[in-house]
Amino acid sequence: MRLSAHYSRRVSNPQWGPPSTKTVSWFDPAAAARAGAALSGRDHLQAMLDGHIAPPPISGLLNFTLVAIGDGDVRFRCTPDESMYNPIGLVHGGLVCTLLDSVAGCAVQTTLAAGIGYTSLEIKVNYLRPVRAGEGELEAVGRVTRHGRRVSFAEGEVRDARDRLVATASSTCLVFDLSG
């Protein structure tokens, strides 16, 4: 496959207008993971919500925030911007999928004891409507549907600022001991 000059190196074209920039800052994710490993999953997320543990770098990159925690459920908010657009001028479905993967996984995390972790095994996403920057905040909710010792199941949904359903997901997470 031959790459065009645009993809093989960064170029600029005056017809494109001025470039936009986005600065992303984060804190050491290893330090946050170490601090969280000593806590139950729910306490880890609560410490993050309370500002005692730094949020993960991806939350700054994709502009989403944990806003509520329950037993087996979580709520995130996200404000998409143009940096998340795909080639046809809509927010890329990968943002919505990442948001759903995050709320489903964190919902599972709320059910875990200290020293126990999880990772996504699979996720199925149903996209129901497009998302555009400037249309307001998205809200994502994740909830555990079945918690197991080795595998847990969760679902999630994303709604737009007008409370319209944007996407849903079902997720399977592997549960494991963090010590290896």
N, C-alpha and C. Protein backbone atom coordinates (compact mmCIF):
# COMPACT_ATOMS: atom_id res chain seq x y z
N MET A 1 0.84 -1.17 0.00
CA MET A 1 0.00 0.00 0.00
C MET A 1 0.89 1.24 0.00
N ARG A 2 0.60 2.15 -0.86
CA ARG A 2 1.36 3.39 -0.94
C ARG A 2 0.60 4.49 -0.20
N LEU A 3 1.29 5.20 0.68
CA LEU A 3 0.67 6.28 1.44
C LEU A 3 0.86 7.60 0.72
N SER A 4 -0.18 8.41 0.77
CA SER A 4 -0.05 9.73 0.18
C SER A 4 0.83 10.60 1.06
N ALA A 5 1.27 11.71 0.53
CA ALA A 5 2.11 12.64 1.29
C ALA A 5 1.41 13.10 2.56
N HIS A 6 0.09 13.25 2.50
CA HIS A 6 -0.66 13.70 3.68
C HIS A 6 -0.50 12.73 4.84
N TYR A 7 -0.53 11.42 4.56
CA TYR A 7 -0.45 10.43 5.63
C TYR A 7 0.98 10.05 5.97
N SER A 8 1.91 10.22 5.07
CA SER A 8 3.29 9.83 5.37
C SER A 8 4.04 10.92 6.13
N ARG A 9 3.56 12.15 6.07
CA ARG A 9 4.15 13.24 6.86
C ARG A 9 3.10 14.31 7.04
N ARG A 10 3.25 15.09 8.08
CA ARG A 10 2.28 16.17 8.33
C ARG A 10 2.51 17.30 7.34
N VAL A 11 1.47 17.65 6.61
CA VAL A 11 1.53 18.75 5.66
C VAL A 11 0.42 19.73 5.99
N SER A 12 0.53 20.89 5.41
CA SER A 12 -0.48 21.90 5.62
C SER A 12 -0.89 22.46 4.26
N ASN A 13 -2.13 22.86 4.17
CA ASN A 13 -2.64 23.44 2.95
C ASN A 13 -3.40 24.70 3.35
N PRO A 14 -3.07 25.85 2.80
CA PRO A 14 -3.75 27.09 3.18
C PRO A 14 -5.27 27.03 3.02
N GLN A 15 -5.76 26.20 2.13
CA GLN A 15 -7.21 26.07 1.94
C GLN A 15 -7.90 25.43 3.14
N TRP A 16 -7.14 24.76 3.99
CA TRP A 16 -7.72 24.08 5.16
C TRP A 16 -8.04 25.05 6.28
N GLY A 17 -7.50 26.25 6.23
CA GLY A 17 -7.66 27.21 7.32
C GLY A 17 -6.59 26.98 8.38
N PRO A 18 -6.64 27.74 9.46
CA PRO A 18 -5.62 27.61 10.49
C PRO A 18 -5.79 26.29 11.26
N PRO A 19 -4.69 25.70 11.70
CA PRO A 19 -4.79 24.46 12.48
C PRO A 19 -5.30 24.74 13.89
N SER A 20 -5.98 23.78 14.45
CA SER A 20 -6.41 23.83 15.84
C SER A 20 -5.45 22.97 16.65
N THR A 21 -5.40 23.21 17.93
CA THR A 21 -4.55 22.41 18.81
C THR A 21 -5.34 21.95 20.02
N LYS A 22 -4.83 20.91 20.63
CA LYS A 22 -5.42 20.37 21.85
C LYS A 22 -4.27 19.93 22.73
N THR A 23 -4.24 20.41 23.94
CA THR A 23 -3.19 20.02 24.88
C THR A 23 -3.78 19.05 25.89
N VAL A 24 -3.08 17.95 26.10
CA VAL A 24 -3.53 16.93 27.05
C VAL A 24 -2.47 16.79 28.13
N SER A 25 -2.91 16.85 29.38
CA SER A 25 -2.02 16.65 30.52
C SER A 25 -2.52 15.47 31.33
N TRP A 26 -1.61 14.76 31.98
CA TRP A 26 -2.01 13.65 32.84
C TRP A 26 -0.97 13.43 33.91
N PHE A 27 -1.34 12.61 34.87
CA PHE A 27 -0.46 12.27 35.97
C PHE A 27 -0.05 10.81 35.83
N ASP A 28 1.00 10.42 36.51
CA ASP A 28 1.57 9.08 36.41
C ASP A 28 0.49 8.01 36.65
N PRO A 29 0.10 7.28 35.61
CA PRO A 29 -0.95 6.27 35.79
C PRO A 29 -0.49 5.10 36.65
N ALA A 30 0.81 4.80 36.69
CA ALA A 30 1.30 3.70 37.52
C ALA A 30 1.11 4.02 39.00
N ALA A 31 1.34 5.26 39.38
CA ALA A 31 1.16 5.66 40.79
C ALA A 31 -0.31 5.54 41.18
N ALA A 32 -1.20 5.96 40.30
CA ALA A 32 -2.63 5.86 40.58
C ALA A 32 -3.06 4.39 40.68
N ALA A 33 -2.53 3.54 39.80
CA ALA A 33 -2.87 2.11 39.84
C ALA A 33 -2.36 1.47 41.13
N ARG A 34 -1.15 1.82 41.54
CA ARG A 34 -0.61 1.27 42.80
C ARG A 34 -1.47 1.69 43.99
N ALA A 35 -1.84 2.95 44.04
CA ALA A 35 -2.68 3.44 45.14
C ALA A 35 -4.04 2.75 45.12
N GLY A 36 -4.60 2.55 43.95
CA GLY A 36 -5.91 1.93 43.83
C GLY A 36 -5.91 0.44 44.13
N ALA A 37 -4.78 -0.25 43.90
CA ALA A 37 -4.72 -1.70 44.10
C ALA A 37 -4.96 -2.09 45.55
N ALA A 38 -4.68 -1.19 46.48
CA ALA A 38 -4.87 -1.48 47.90
C ALA A 38 -6.32 -1.26 48.34
N LEU A 39 -7.15 -0.76 47.45
CA LEU A 39 -8.55 -0.43 47.77
C LEU A 39 -9.51 -1.36 47.03
N SER A 40 -10.71 -1.50 47.55
CA SER A 40 -11.73 -2.19 46.77
C SER A 40 -11.97 -1.37 45.50
N GLY A 41 -12.56 -1.98 44.50
CA GLY A 41 -12.81 -1.27 43.26
C GLY A 41 -13.68 -0.04 43.46
N ARG A 42 -14.70 -0.19 44.28
CA ARG A 42 -15.58 0.97 44.53
C ARG A 42 -14.82 2.07 45.26
N ASP A 43 -14.02 1.70 46.27
CA ASP A 43 -13.25 2.70 47.02
C ASP A 43 -12.21 3.38 46.13
N HIS A 44 -11.63 2.62 45.20
CA HIS A 44 -10.67 3.18 44.25
C HIS A 44 -11.34 4.27 43.40
N LEU A 45 -12.50 3.95 42.85
CA LEU A 45 -13.22 4.94 42.04
C LEU A 45 -13.69 6.12 42.89
N GLN A 46 -14.10 5.85 44.12
CA GLN A 46 -14.52 6.95 45.00
C GLN A 46 -13.34 7.87 45.31
N ALA A 47 -12.16 7.29 45.53
CA ALA A 47 -10.96 8.10 45.77
C ALA A 47 -10.64 8.96 44.55
N MET A 48 -10.87 8.43 43.37
CA MET A 48 -10.67 9.20 42.13
C MET A 48 -11.69 10.33 42.05
N LEU A 49 -12.95 10.00 42.32
CA LEU A 49 -14.02 11.00 42.28
C LEU A 49 -13.76 12.12 43.30
N ASP A 50 -13.21 11.75 44.46
CA ASP A 50 -12.93 12.72 45.53
C ASP A 50 -11.62 13.48 45.32
N GLY A 51 -10.86 13.13 44.28
CA GLY A 51 -9.61 13.83 44.00
C GLY A 51 -8.41 13.33 44.77
N HIS A 52 -8.49 12.15 45.39
CA HIS A 52 -7.35 11.60 46.13
C HIS A 52 -6.45 10.74 45.25
N ILE A 53 -6.98 10.23 44.16
CA ILE A 53 -6.22 9.46 43.17
C ILE A 53 -6.47 10.12 41.81
N ALA A 54 -5.40 10.24 41.03
CA ALA A 54 -5.51 10.88 39.71
C ALA A 54 -6.36 10.04 38.77
N PRO A 55 -7.12 10.70 37.90
CA PRO A 55 -7.89 9.96 36.89
C PRO A 55 -6.95 9.36 35.84
N PRO A 56 -7.42 8.37 35.09
CA PRO A 56 -6.58 7.77 34.06
C PRO A 56 -6.33 8.76 32.91
N PRO A 57 -5.18 8.65 32.24
CA PRO A 57 -4.86 9.57 31.14
C PRO A 57 -5.92 9.62 30.04
N ILE A 58 -6.57 8.52 29.75
CA ILE A 58 -7.55 8.51 28.66
C ILE A 58 -8.71 9.47 28.93
N SER A 59 -9.02 9.70 30.20
CA SER A 59 -10.14 10.60 30.49
C SER A 59 -9.81 12.03 30.06
N GLY A 60 -8.56 12.44 30.18
CA GLY A 60 -8.16 13.75 29.69
C GLY A 60 -8.07 13.81 28.18
N LEU A 61 -7.59 12.73 27.60
CA LEU A 61 -7.45 12.68 26.14
C LEU A 61 -8.81 12.78 25.45
N LEU A 62 -9.81 12.08 26.00
CA LEU A 62 -11.13 12.05 25.37
C LEU A 62 -12.16 12.91 26.09
N ASN A 63 -11.73 13.66 27.09
CA ASN A 63 -12.57 14.65 27.76
C ASN A 63 -13.79 14.02 28.42
N PHE A 64 -13.58 12.92 29.19
CA PHE A 64 -14.69 12.39 29.96
C PHE A 64 -14.34 12.32 31.43
N THR A 65 -15.39 12.32 32.26
CA THR A 65 -15.23 12.42 33.71
C THR A 65 -16.18 11.48 34.42
N LEU A 66 -15.68 10.80 35.42
CA LEU A 66 -16.50 10.01 36.32
C LEU A 66 -17.30 10.98 37.19
N VAL A 67 -18.63 10.82 37.26
CA VAL A 67 -19.44 11.75 38.04
C VAL A 67 -20.27 11.09 39.13
N ALA A 68 -20.48 9.77 39.07
CA ALA A 68 -21.26 9.09 40.11
C ALA A 68 -20.89 7.62 40.17
N ILE A 69 -20.96 7.07 41.38
CA ILE A 69 -20.62 5.66 41.62
C ILE A 69 -21.68 5.04 42.51
N GLY A 70 -22.08 3.83 42.18
CA GLY A 70 -22.99 3.05 43.03
C GLY A 70 -22.44 1.65 43.17
N ASP A 71 -23.23 0.76 43.71
CA ASP A 71 -22.84 -0.65 43.79
C ASP A 71 -23.23 -1.31 42.47
N GLY A 72 -22.24 -1.55 41.62
CA GLY A 72 -22.50 -2.16 40.32
C GLY A 72 -22.92 -1.19 39.25
N ASP A 73 -22.76 0.13 39.50
CA ASP A 73 -23.08 1.09 38.45
C ASP A 73 -22.24 2.35 38.58
N VAL A 74 -22.04 2.99 37.44
CA VAL A 74 -21.27 4.25 37.37
C VAL A 74 -21.90 5.16 36.33
N ARG A 75 -21.53 6.43 36.40
CA ARG A 75 -22.01 7.43 35.44
C ARG A 75 -20.82 8.31 35.06
N PHE A 76 -20.64 8.52 33.76
CA PHE A 76 -19.60 9.39 33.23
C PHE A 76 -20.27 10.49 32.41
N ARG A 77 -19.57 11.59 32.25
CA ARG A 77 -19.99 12.65 31.32
C ARG A 77 -18.83 12.94 30.38
N CYS A 78 -19.18 13.34 29.16
CA CYS A 78 -18.17 13.59 28.13
C CYS A 78 -18.66 14.71 27.24
N THR A 79 -17.77 15.64 26.95
CA THR A 79 -18.09 16.71 26.01
C THR A 79 -17.22 16.54 24.77
N PRO A 80 -17.78 16.00 23.69
CA PRO A 80 -16.99 15.81 22.47
C PRO A 80 -16.61 17.16 21.84
N ASP A 81 -15.47 17.17 21.19
CA ASP A 81 -15.05 18.36 20.43
C ASP A 81 -14.63 17.92 19.03
N GLU A 82 -14.29 18.88 18.19
CA GLU A 82 -13.96 18.58 16.79
C GLU A 82 -12.74 17.68 16.64
N SER A 83 -11.87 17.61 17.64
CA SER A 83 -10.69 16.73 17.54
C SER A 83 -11.11 15.26 17.50
N MET A 84 -12.36 14.98 17.78
CA MET A 84 -12.86 13.61 17.81
C MET A 84 -13.65 13.26 16.54
N TYR A 85 -13.62 14.14 15.54
CA TYR A 85 -14.37 13.93 14.31
C TYR A 85 -13.74 12.86 13.42
N ASN A 86 -14.61 12.18 12.68
CA ASN A 86 -14.18 11.25 11.64
C ASN A 86 -14.17 12.01 10.31
N PRO A 87 -13.84 11.36 9.19
CA PRO A 87 -13.75 12.07 7.92
C PRO A 87 -15.05 12.69 7.40
N ILE A 88 -16.22 12.26 7.90
CA ILE A 88 -17.47 12.82 7.39
C ILE A 88 -18.07 13.87 8.32
N GLY A 89 -17.29 14.35 9.30
CA GLY A 89 -17.74 15.47 10.13
C GLY A 89 -18.65 15.10 11.28
N LEU A 90 -18.52 13.88 11.78
CA LEU A 90 -19.26 13.42 12.97
C LEU A 90 -18.26 12.94 14.00
N VAL A 91 -18.68 12.92 15.26
CA VAL A 91 -17.82 12.35 16.30
C VAL A 91 -17.62 10.87 15.98
N HIS A 92 -16.38 10.44 16.00
CA HIS A 92 -16.03 9.06 15.67
C HIS A 92 -16.70 8.09 16.63
N GLY A 93 -17.22 7.01 16.10
CA GLY A 93 -17.86 5.98 16.93
C GLY A 93 -16.92 5.39 17.96
N GLY A 94 -15.61 5.48 17.70
CA GLY A 94 -14.64 4.98 18.67
C GLY A 94 -14.70 5.71 19.99
N LEU A 95 -15.04 6.99 19.97
CA LEU A 95 -15.20 7.73 21.23
C LEU A 95 -16.37 7.14 22.02
N VAL A 96 -17.50 6.94 21.35
CA VAL A 96 -18.68 6.40 22.02
C VAL A 96 -18.39 4.99 22.52
N CYS A 97 -17.72 4.18 21.72
CA CYS A 97 -17.36 2.82 22.14
C CYS A 97 -16.43 2.85 23.36
N THR A 98 -15.44 3.75 23.34
CA THR A 98 -14.53 3.86 24.48
C THR A 98 -15.28 4.29 25.74
N LEU A 99 -16.20 5.21 25.59
CA LEU A 99 -17.02 5.65 26.71
C LEU A 99 -17.84 4.48 27.26
N LEU A 100 -18.45 3.70 26.38
CA LEU A 100 -19.23 2.53 26.81
C LEU A 100 -18.34 1.46 27.45
N ASP A 101 -17.19 1.22 26.88
CA ASP A 101 -16.25 0.25 27.45
C ASP A 101 -15.83 0.69 28.85
N SER A 102 -15.63 1.99 29.02
CA SER A 102 -15.20 2.53 30.31
C SER A 102 -16.28 2.42 31.37
N VAL A 103 -17.52 2.78 31.03
CA VAL A 103 -18.57 2.68 32.05
C VAL A 103 -18.91 1.24 32.38
N ALA A 104 -18.88 0.36 31.40
CA ALA A 104 -19.13 -1.05 31.67
C ALA A 104 -18.03 -1.63 32.57
N GLY A 105 -16.78 -1.35 32.22
CA GLY A 105 -15.67 -1.85 33.02
C GLY A 105 -15.66 -1.28 34.42
N CYS A 106 -15.89 0.02 34.55
CA CYS A 106 -15.89 0.63 35.88
C CYS A 106 -17.08 0.16 36.71
N ALA A 107 -18.21 -0.15 36.08
CA ALA A 107 -19.33 -0.74 36.82
C ALA A 107 -18.89 -2.07 37.42
N VAL A 108 -18.19 -2.89 36.64
CA VAL A 108 -17.64 -4.15 37.16
C VAL A 108 -16.65 -3.86 38.28
N GLN A 109 -15.80 -2.85 38.09
CA GLN A 109 -14.81 -2.51 39.10
C GLN A 109 -15.45 -2.23 40.46
N THR A 110 -16.63 -1.62 40.47
CA THR A 110 -17.28 -1.31 41.75
C THR A 110 -17.61 -2.56 42.55
N THR A 111 -17.62 -3.73 41.92
CA THR A 111 -17.97 -4.98 42.60
C THR A 111 -16.76 -5.76 43.08
N LEU A 112 -15.55 -5.25 42.80
CA LEU A 112 -14.33 -6.03 43.06
C LEU A 112 -13.68 -5.69 44.40
N ALA A 113 -13.07 -6.71 45.02
CA ALA A 113 -12.32 -6.54 46.26
C ALA A 113 -10.95 -5.95 45.95
N ALA A 114 -10.28 -5.49 46.99
CA ALA A 114 -8.91 -4.98 46.84
C ALA A 114 -8.03 -6.06 46.23
N GLY A 115 -7.14 -5.67 45.32
CA GLY A 115 -6.20 -6.60 44.70
C GLY A 115 -6.78 -7.38 43.53
N ILE A 116 -8.02 -7.10 43.19
CA ILE A 116 -8.67 -7.79 42.07
C ILE A 116 -8.88 -6.77 40.94
N GLY A 117 -8.56 -7.18 39.71
CA GLY A 117 -8.71 -6.29 38.56
C GLY A 117 -9.61 -6.91 37.52
N TYR A 118 -9.73 -6.23 36.41
CA TYR A 118 -10.58 -6.70 35.30
C TYR A 118 -9.99 -6.20 34.00
N THR A 119 -10.39 -6.83 32.93
CA THR A 119 -10.10 -6.33 31.59
C THR A 119 -11.24 -6.74 30.68
N SER A 120 -11.47 -5.97 29.65
CA SER A 120 -12.55 -6.28 28.71
C SER A 120 -12.20 -7.51 27.90
N LEU A 121 -13.14 -8.42 27.82
CA LEU A 121 -13.00 -9.58 26.93
C LEU A 121 -13.68 -9.30 25.60
N GLU A 122 -14.86 -8.68 25.65
CA GLU A 122 -15.56 -8.32 24.43
C GLU A 122 -16.57 -7.22 24.74
N ILE A 123 -16.93 -6.50 23.70
CA ILE A 123 -17.97 -5.50 23.81
C ILE A 123 -18.73 -5.47 22.49
N LYS A 124 -20.03 -5.36 22.60
CA LYS A 124 -20.89 -5.22 21.42
C LYS A 124 -21.61 -3.89 21.55
N VAL A 125 -21.45 -3.04 20.55
CA VAL A 125 -22.03 -1.71 20.58
C VAL A 125 -23.09 -1.59 19.50
N ASN A 126 -24.20 -0.98 19.86
CA ASN A 126 -25.25 -0.62 18.91
C ASN A 126 -25.31 0.90 18.83
N TYR A 127 -24.98 1.45 17.68
CA TYR A 127 -25.03 2.90 17.47
C TYR A 127 -26.41 3.26 16.95
N LEU A 128 -27.04 4.25 17.58
CA LEU A 128 -28.42 4.58 17.24
C LEU A 128 -28.59 5.95 16.60
N ARG A 129 -27.65 6.86 16.84
CA ARG A 129 -27.74 8.19 16.22
C ARG A 129 -26.35 8.81 16.20
N PRO A 130 -26.11 9.73 15.27
CA PRO A 130 -24.80 10.38 15.20
C PRO A 130 -24.61 11.40 16.32
N VAL A 131 -23.35 11.70 16.59
CA VAL A 131 -22.98 12.70 17.60
C VAL A 131 -22.15 13.77 16.91
N ARG A 132 -22.43 15.03 17.23
CA ARG A 132 -21.67 16.15 16.69
C ARG A 132 -21.14 17.00 17.83
N ALA A 133 -19.97 17.56 17.64
CA ALA A 133 -19.44 18.50 18.61
C ALA A 133 -20.37 19.71 18.67
N GLY A 134 -20.46 20.33 19.80
CA GLY A 134 -21.29 21.51 19.94
C GLY A 134 -22.73 21.22 20.27
N GLU A 135 -23.12 19.96 20.33
CA GLU A 135 -24.50 19.60 20.67
C GLU A 135 -24.67 19.31 22.15
N GLY A 136 -23.61 19.53 22.93
CA GLY A 136 -23.71 19.34 24.37
C GLY A 136 -23.05 18.08 24.87
N GLU A 137 -23.25 17.89 26.13
CA GLU A 137 -22.59 16.82 26.88
C GLU A 137 -23.27 15.47 26.66
N LEU A 138 -22.47 14.44 26.59
CA LEU A 138 -22.98 13.07 26.57
C LEU A 138 -22.96 12.54 27.99
N GLU A 139 -23.91 11.68 28.31
CA GLU A 139 -23.90 11.01 29.61
C GLU A 139 -23.93 9.52 29.36
N ALA A 140 -23.03 8.81 30.02
CA ALA A 140 -22.93 7.36 29.87
C ALA A 140 -23.16 6.71 31.22
N VAL A 141 -23.94 5.65 31.23
CA VAL A 141 -24.23 4.89 32.44
C VAL A 141 -23.85 3.45 32.18
N GLY A 142 -23.15 2.85 33.14
CA GLY A 142 -22.82 1.44 33.06
C GLY A 142 -23.36 0.72 34.28
N ARG A 143 -23.83 -0.52 34.09
CA ARG A 143 -24.33 -1.30 35.21
C ARG A 143 -24.01 -2.78 35.01
N VAL A 144 -23.69 -3.42 36.11
CA VAL A 144 -23.39 -4.85 36.09
C VAL A 144 -24.70 -5.61 35.96
N THR A 145 -24.72 -6.59 35.06
CA THR A 145 -25.90 -7.43 34.91
C THR A 145 -25.70 -8.80 35.56
N ARG A 146 -24.44 -9.22 35.65
CA ARG A 146 -24.12 -10.46 36.35
C ARG A 146 -22.65 -10.41 36.76
N HIS A 147 -22.42 -10.57 38.05
CA HIS A 147 -21.05 -10.56 38.56
C HIS A 147 -20.64 -11.99 38.89
N GLY A 148 -19.51 -12.40 38.33
CA GLY A 148 -18.99 -13.73 38.61
C GLY A 148 -17.59 -13.65 39.18
N ARG A 149 -17.09 -14.79 39.64
CA ARG A 149 -15.75 -14.84 40.22
C ARG A 149 -14.67 -14.66 39.17
N ARG A 150 -14.89 -15.15 37.95
CA ARG A 150 -13.90 -15.07 36.87
C ARG A 150 -14.35 -14.19 35.70
N VAL A 151 -15.65 -14.08 35.51
CA VAL A 151 -16.20 -13.29 34.41
C VAL A 151 -17.41 -12.51 34.92
N SER A 152 -17.48 -11.25 34.53
CA SER A 152 -18.64 -10.42 34.87
C SER A 152 -19.20 -9.82 33.58
N PHE A 153 -20.49 -9.53 33.63
CA PHE A 153 -21.20 -8.97 32.49
C PHE A 153 -21.78 -7.61 32.86
N ALA A 154 -21.73 -6.68 31.93
CA ALA A 154 -22.25 -5.34 32.18
C ALA A 154 -22.87 -4.80 30.90
N GLU A 155 -23.68 -3.77 31.08
CA GLU A 155 -24.26 -3.08 29.93
C GLU A 155 -24.08 -1.59 30.13
N GLY A 156 -24.19 -0.87 29.05
CA GLY A 156 -24.06 0.57 29.13
C GLY A 156 -24.92 1.25 28.10
N GLU A 157 -25.15 2.54 28.33
CA GLU A 157 -25.86 3.35 27.36
C GLU A 157 -25.30 4.76 27.41
N VAL A 158 -25.37 5.41 26.27
CA VAL A 158 -24.96 6.81 26.15
C VAL A 158 -26.16 7.60 25.66
N ARG A 159 -26.40 8.73 26.32
CA ARG A 159 -27.49 9.63 25.93
C ARG A 159 -26.90 11.01 25.64
N ASP A 160 -27.54 11.72 24.73
CA ASP A 160 -27.07 13.06 24.39
C ASP A 160 -27.68 14.10 25.32
N ALA A 161 -27.37 15.36 25.09
CA ALA A 161 -27.83 16.45 25.95
C ALA A 161 -29.35 16.60 25.94
N ARG A 162 -30.01 16.06 24.91
CA ARG A 162 -31.47 16.11 24.84
C ARG A 162 -32.10 14.82 25.35
N ASP A 163 -31.28 14.00 26.03
CA ASP A 163 -31.70 12.72 26.63
C ASP A 163 -32.13 11.69 25.58
N ARG A 164 -31.60 11.82 24.36
CA ARG A 164 -31.86 10.83 23.32
C ARG A 164 -30.80 9.73 23.42
N LEU A 165 -31.22 8.50 23.27
CA LEU A 165 -30.30 7.37 23.31
C LEU A 165 -29.40 7.40 22.07
N VAL A 166 -28.10 7.43 22.29
CA VAL A 166 -27.10 7.50 21.21
C VAL A 166 -26.57 6.11 20.88
N ALA A 167 -26.28 5.31 21.93
CA ALA A 167 -25.72 3.99 21.71
C ALA A 167 -25.91 3.14 22.97
N THR A 168 -25.91 1.83 22.76
CA THR A 168 -25.97 0.88 23.87
C THR A 168 -24.85 -0.13 23.68
N ALA A 169 -24.51 -0.84 24.76
CA ALA A 169 -23.47 -1.87 24.66
C ALA A 169 -23.72 -2.96 25.69
N SER A 170 -23.25 -4.13 25.35
CA SER A 170 -23.14 -5.21 26.32
C SER A 170 -21.68 -5.61 26.34
N SER A 171 -21.18 -5.91 27.53
CA SER A 171 -19.75 -6.14 27.70
C SER A 171 -19.50 -7.35 28.60
N THR A 172 -18.42 -8.05 28.31
CA THR A 172 -17.95 -9.15 29.14
C THR A 172 -16.56 -8.79 29.63
N CYS A 173 -16.35 -8.92 30.94
CA CYS A 173 -15.04 -8.59 31.53
C CYS A 173 -14.44 -9.80 32.24
N LEU A 174 -13.16 -10.03 32.04
CA LEU A 174 -12.40 -11.04 32.75
C LEU A 174 -11.99 -10.45 34.09
N VAL A 175 -12.24 -11.19 35.17
CA VAL A 175 -11.88 -10.77 36.52
C VAL A 175 -10.67 -11.59 36.95
N PHE A 176 -9.64 -10.91 37.51
CA PHE A 176 -8.41 -11.62 37.85
C PHE A 176 -7.70 -10.97 39.04
N ASP A 177 -6.78 -11.72 39.63
CA ASP A 177 -5.95 -11.24 40.74
C ASP A 177 -4.86 -10.34 40.17
N LEU A 178 -4.73 -9.13 40.69
CA LEU A 178 -3.72 -8.18 40.17
C LEU A 178 -2.28 -8.61 40.48
N SER A 179 -2.10 -9.48 41.45
CA SER A 179 -0.72 -9.88 41.81
C SER A 179 -0.12 -10.85 40.79
N GLY A 180 -0.91 -11.28 39.84
CA GLY A 180 -0.36 -12.10 38.76
C GLY A 180 -0.81 -13.47 38.84
